Amino acid sequence: MELFSFYNVENLFLPDPKPVHPLDPTRSGLRNWDEKRYRNKLYKISHVFQLMKEENGVLPFMIGLSEVSGRKVLEDLVEMEPFNSEYGIIHYNSMDERKVDVAMLYDKSKVEVIDSETITFFFEITNKNTKYYDTTRDVLYSKVKYKGEIINVFIAHLPSKREKDVNKPKRTFILNEIQQRIMNIVHADKEHVVLCGDFNENPDDENLVKILYDNNQEKVLINPFQELFLTRNYSTFHYKSGLLYDQIILSKSLFDNNVLNFQSAQVFNVENISSRTRNFEGRPFRTYAGTRYLGGYSDHFPVFVKFKEKT
């Protein structure tokens, strides 16, 4: 059995240097983000995967992450239990205005990285100089080998819903671009695909339904989180609304395969990482609520899919 996981870890930044003046803005944008809080955050994130291992018997062999700032935070994370420096890192700095990126961790004893790159998007160009481009978080692409099988992994953190969802056209554009890449891989290369991330859309939204089909309206991807959403399994919340923005979408080849055969999907919402407050029962225990430090894990639950070898 193997697990593939995705986790939006909510603002994993290095500690801020002490400000010269009390009102100076911080690099992280977080209030009083010091070494102690940073170390607690690292412990909390690593503890999530320890709990996942205890429940399922194995650590995920690949992990997609979002809202990480720079490679150093990932290096600090994989040194901790349960990773114990046995996990490799795929990460590139993006041009996101908040300096948060996506990344992948992988079990070096199981996964061989063949290639990786970022897919960068520019919007609303107001000047030929790139510093005036409107950029967003990159999509991370990795081609890996596991037990002789080639898997193409896309990890995304799409532009957020805000201000009457002005970012929807950007999400649509990005997903259309990724869809074309995926269709080439599935049809021309006959290889497996995993698309995961925080899509800032639910599984039943138009963009995430459309991406499952090729230009001939043949279904080539399957989203097991559609069923979880229908049964009110949520990975994050906005006011009173439950949302399943965090998803893992798979090529159909991973549902009938000898080495990696889809078994189940899950929102990992165990009690340990859930809110301690009665009013927010069943929601993620987050690190900050606005500027107020809570000391929790993240404002998202991780998600994972479980594979088994075909018998």
Foldseek 3Di string as FASTA:
>chain_A
DAKEWEEAFAALDAAWDDDPDPPDQTLSNADRRHPVLNVLQLVQQQVLQVVVCVVPVDGHQKYKYWNHADDVSVVVNCCDPPNVVQKDKDDDFAPAPSRIEMIMIGRPVFKAWDDKDWAWDWDDQPDPPVVRTHTHYTWIWTWMAGPNAIEIETEDEADAQDDPRPRPVVLLVVLVVVLVVVVCCCPVVVHKYKYWYQSNAACPDPSNVVSQADPVRDGFKDWQCVVVVVVPAAFADDVPDGGNRTTMMITVQQCDAQAWHWDHKDFPQDPVQADPDPVRGSFGQDQDDVNRGRSGGHRTTMMMTDTDGDD
